[in-house]
N, C-alpha and C. Protein backbone atom coordinates (compact mmCIF):
# COMPACT_ATOMS: atom_id res chain seq x y z
N MET A 1 26.30 -32.02 27.04
CA MET A 1 26.97 -30.08 26.97
C MET A 1 27.93 -29.98 27.78
N SER A 2 28.40 -30.27 28.72
CA SER A 2 29.04 -30.07 29.49
C SER A 2 30.74 -29.16 29.04
N GLU A 3 30.62 -28.18 28.22
CA GLU A 3 31.77 -27.94 27.93
C GLU A 3 31.79 -26.64 28.40
N LEU A 4 33.19 -26.00 28.81
CA LEU A 4 32.93 -23.94 29.36
C LEU A 4 33.48 -23.60 27.68
N ILE A 5 32.71 -22.56 27.39
CA ILE A 5 32.87 -21.36 26.44
C ILE A 5 33.62 -20.42 27.28
N ASP A 6 34.66 -19.77 26.84
CA ASP A 6 35.30 -18.49 27.04
C ASP A 6 34.59 -17.88 26.21
N ILE A 7 33.83 -16.53 27.20
CA ILE A 7 33.51 -15.83 26.40
C ILE A 7 33.92 -13.86 26.52
N GLU A 8 34.71 -14.46 27.32
CA GLU A 8 35.27 -12.70 27.38
C GLU A 8 35.46 -12.24 25.97
N TYR A 9 35.91 -12.48 24.91
CA TYR A 9 36.02 -11.37 23.46
C TYR A 9 34.71 -11.50 23.07
N CYS A 10 33.28 -11.89 23.56
CA CYS A 10 32.59 -12.14 22.54
C CYS A 10 31.34 -11.00 22.32
N LEU A 11 30.52 -10.69 21.60
CA LEU A 11 29.62 -10.59 21.44
C LEU A 11 28.16 -11.41 21.44
N ILE A 12 26.88 -10.84 22.63
CA ILE A 12 26.02 -11.90 22.82
C ILE A 12 24.57 -11.06 21.88
N GLY A 13 24.49 -11.60 21.13
CA GLY A 13 23.77 -11.35 20.50
C GLY A 13 21.96 -12.35 20.48
N LEU A 14 20.33 -11.73 20.78
CA LEU A 14 19.32 -12.70 20.61
C LEU A 14 18.32 -11.85 20.34
N LYS A 15 17.09 -12.10 19.97
CA LYS A 15 15.88 -11.90 19.91
C LYS A 15 15.40 -12.30 20.77
N ALA A 16 14.88 -10.84 21.23
CA ALA A 16 13.35 -9.96 22.40
C ALA A 16 12.43 -10.65 22.11
N PHE A 17 12.21 -11.48 22.36
CA PHE A 17 11.02 -11.87 21.31
C PHE A 17 9.69 -12.80 22.46
N PRO A 18 9.12 -12.65 23.17
CA PRO A 18 7.95 -13.62 23.97
C PRO A 18 8.30 -14.97 23.17
N LEU A 19 8.43 -15.35 23.80
CA LEU A 19 7.77 -17.97 23.59
C LEU A 19 6.74 -17.50 23.85
N SER A 20 5.91 -18.94 23.12
CA SER A 20 5.01 -19.13 23.28
C SER A 20 4.63 -20.93 23.07
N ASP A 21 4.32 -21.58 23.38
CA ASP A 21 3.78 -23.05 23.61
C ASP A 21 2.85 -23.35 22.28
N ASP A 22 2.16 -22.03 21.67
CA ASP A 22 0.95 -21.39 20.91
C ASP A 22 1.91 -20.69 19.12
N TYR A 23 2.79 -22.14 18.44
CA TYR A 23 3.45 -21.97 17.79
C TYR A 23 2.65 -20.92 16.57
N GLY A 24 3.36 -19.78 16.06
CA GLY A 24 2.93 -18.81 15.43
C GLY A 24 1.66 -18.02 16.12
N ARG A 25 1.08 -17.84 16.58
CA ARG A 25 0.50 -17.11 17.27
C ARG A 25 1.11 -15.45 18.24
N ALA A 26 0.38 -14.76 17.17
CA ALA A 26 0.61 -12.64 17.21
C ALA A 26 1.29 -12.53 18.50
N ARG A 27 1.77 -12.24 18.81
CA ARG A 27 2.29 -11.11 19.70
C ARG A 27 1.88 -10.01 20.40
N ASP A 28 0.71 -9.65 21.50
CA ASP A 28 0.50 -7.97 21.26
C ASP A 28 2.31 -7.24 21.99
N GLU A 29 2.10 -6.22 21.81
CA GLU A 29 3.17 -4.86 21.96
C GLU A 29 3.55 -5.31 23.32
N VAL A 30 2.32 -5.36 24.17
CA VAL A 30 2.59 -5.27 25.92
C VAL A 30 4.11 -6.63 26.05
N GLU A 31 3.75 -7.47 25.64
CA GLU A 31 4.38 -9.04 25.87
C GLU A 31 5.80 -8.63 24.85
N ILE A 32 5.62 -7.52 24.09
CA ILE A 32 6.91 -7.65 23.61
C ILE A 32 7.68 -6.68 24.14
N GLN A 33 7.23 -5.18 24.80
CA GLN A 33 7.39 -4.42 25.26
C GLN A 33 8.38 -4.99 27.06
N ARG A 34 7.17 -6.01 27.48
CA ARG A 34 7.99 -6.52 28.83
C ARG A 34 9.28 -7.08 28.73
N VAL A 35 9.59 -7.75 27.55
CA VAL A 35 11.09 -9.05 27.47
C VAL A 35 11.64 -8.20 27.03
N LYS A 36 11.40 -7.17 25.85
CA LYS A 36 12.79 -5.84 25.65
C LYS A 36 13.11 -5.55 26.80
N HIS A 37 12.42 -5.27 28.08
CA HIS A 37 12.45 -4.05 29.33
C HIS A 37 13.59 -4.83 30.17
N PHE A 38 13.02 -6.30 30.01
CA PHE A 38 13.72 -7.36 31.06
C PHE A 38 15.37 -7.41 30.43
N TYR A 39 15.54 -8.16 28.99
CA TYR A 39 16.60 -7.72 28.63
C TYR A 39 17.68 -6.09 28.63
N GLU A 40 16.98 -4.93 28.20
CA GLU A 40 17.36 -4.07 28.80
C GLU A 40 18.13 -3.70 30.03
N LYS A 41 17.49 -3.90 31.23
CA LYS A 41 17.80 -4.46 32.72
C LYS A 41 19.03 -5.27 32.75
N LEU A 42 18.93 -5.57 32.22
CA LEU A 42 20.76 -6.59 32.10
C LEU A 42 21.46 -6.77 31.27
N GLY A 43 21.41 -5.07 30.61
CA GLY A 43 22.53 -4.87 30.04
C GLY A 43 22.41 -4.44 28.46
N PHE A 44 21.70 -5.47 27.71
CA PHE A 44 21.57 -5.44 26.82
C PHE A 44 21.00 -4.00 25.55
N GLU A 45 21.65 -3.73 24.99
CA GLU A 45 20.94 -2.50 24.20
C GLU A 45 20.68 -3.11 22.09
N HIS A 46 19.36 -1.64 22.27
CA HIS A 46 18.45 -2.57 20.25
C HIS A 46 19.48 -2.45 19.67
N ALA A 47 19.84 -3.55 18.29
CA ALA A 47 19.96 -3.66 17.38
C ALA A 47 19.32 -4.44 16.39
N GLY A 48 18.71 -3.54 16.44
CA GLY A 48 16.94 -3.63 15.22
C GLY A 48 15.90 -3.85 15.72
N LYS A 49 14.75 -4.40 15.12
CA LYS A 49 13.53 -4.23 15.95
C LYS A 49 13.78 -5.37 16.76
N ASP A 50 13.46 -6.60 16.80
CA ASP A 50 13.58 -7.49 17.97
C ASP A 50 15.01 -7.89 18.43
N PHE A 51 15.94 -7.59 17.80
CA PHE A 51 17.59 -8.19 18.25
C PHE A 51 18.20 -7.03 19.16
N MET A 52 18.80 -8.00 19.80
CA MET A 52 19.49 -7.00 21.32
C MET A 52 20.74 -7.29 21.47
N LEU A 53 21.65 -6.54 21.72
CA LEU A 53 23.25 -7.29 21.93
C LEU A 53 23.57 -6.94 23.41
N LYS A 54 24.90 -7.40 23.87
CA LYS A 54 25.79 -6.84 24.47
C LYS A 54 27.06 -7.31 24.90
N ASP A 55 27.83 -6.83 25.09
CA ASP A 55 29.57 -7.66 25.17
C ASP A 55 29.32 -8.28 26.18
N ALA A 56 30.55 -9.37 25.85
CA ALA A 56 30.41 -10.81 27.12
C ALA A 56 31.04 -10.02 28.19
N SER A 57 31.63 -9.16 28.12
CA SER A 57 32.91 -8.98 29.03
C SER A 57 31.92 -7.78 30.35
N GLN A 58 30.50 -7.61 29.48
CA GLN A 58 30.28 -6.60 31.17
C GLN A 58 28.69 -7.78 31.89
N CYS A 59 28.87 -9.00 31.20
CA CYS A 59 28.30 -9.60 31.93
C CYS A 59 28.58 -10.11 33.54
N HIS A 60 27.57 -10.50 34.53
CA HIS A 60 28.01 -10.38 35.66
C HIS A 60 28.93 -11.28 35.94
N VAL A 61 29.04 -12.72 35.45
CA VAL A 61 29.93 -13.54 35.58
C VAL A 61 31.48 -13.21 35.06
N MET A 62 31.30 -12.46 34.00
CA MET A 62 32.47 -12.12 33.57
C MET A 62 33.69 -10.96 34.14
N GLN A 63 32.17 -9.71 34.64
CA GLN A 63 33.21 -9.53 35.54
C GLN A 63 33.95 -9.95 36.95
N LYS A 64 32.76 -10.74 37.28
CA LYS A 64 33.67 -11.88 38.11
C LYS A 64 35.18 -12.89 37.94
N ARG A 65 34.96 -13.16 37.52
CA ARG A 65 36.17 -13.79 36.94
C ARG A 65 36.95 -13.16 36.50
N LEU A 66 37.02 -11.88 35.47
CA LEU A 66 38.24 -11.41 35.71
C LEU A 66 38.78 -10.78 36.67
N LYS A 67 37.71 -10.19 37.77
CA LYS A 67 38.62 -9.67 38.80
C LYS A 67 39.15 -10.63 39.86
N ALA A 68 38.99 -12.18 39.63
CA ALA A 68 39.43 -12.78 40.27
C ALA A 68 40.85 -13.38 39.96
N ARG A 69 40.68 -13.29 38.50
CA ARG A 69 41.71 -13.06 37.76
C ARG A 69 42.46 -12.10 38.04
N GLU A 70 42.90 -10.91 37.79
CA GLU A 70 43.46 -9.89 38.67
C GLU A 70 44.13 -10.64 40.04
N ALA A 71 43.00 -10.52 41.04
CA ALA A 71 43.50 -11.04 42.44
C ALA A 71 44.39 -12.04 42.32
N LEU A 72 44.57 -12.73 41.89
CA LEU A 72 45.23 -13.99 41.52
C LEU A 72 46.81 -13.54 40.98
N GLN A 73 46.40 -13.18 39.81
CA GLN A 73 48.12 -12.41 39.52
C GLN A 73 48.74 -11.10 40.27
N ASN A 74 47.99 -10.29 40.95
CA ASN A 74 48.82 -9.96 42.08
C ASN A 74 48.72 -10.67 43.13
N HIS A 75 48.48 -11.23 43.80
CA HIS A 75 49.17 -12.31 44.51
C HIS A 75 49.78 -13.28 44.57
N GLN A 76 50.12 -13.41 43.26
CA GLN A 76 51.24 -14.19 42.61
C GLN A 76 52.17 -13.65 42.57
N VAL A 77 52.77 -12.07 42.46
CA VAL A 77 53.53 -10.99 41.74
C VAL A 77 54.30 -10.88 43.46
């Protein structure tokens, strides 16, 4: 799966819930809040119970790509 996906106009959604090898194990609230806080620091916003969203254009990689594209266009002018 070595395919490049252009995420410039995408929305990233995820379920911020702790993973476990013990399928079906109940997660305590401290674990859940730790995972949610991790994604908040990355710029995700709450969108319901355990779900979080982020505009892909706000991701660090996209910011770098857009700046590089802009610099290239300015250089070609």
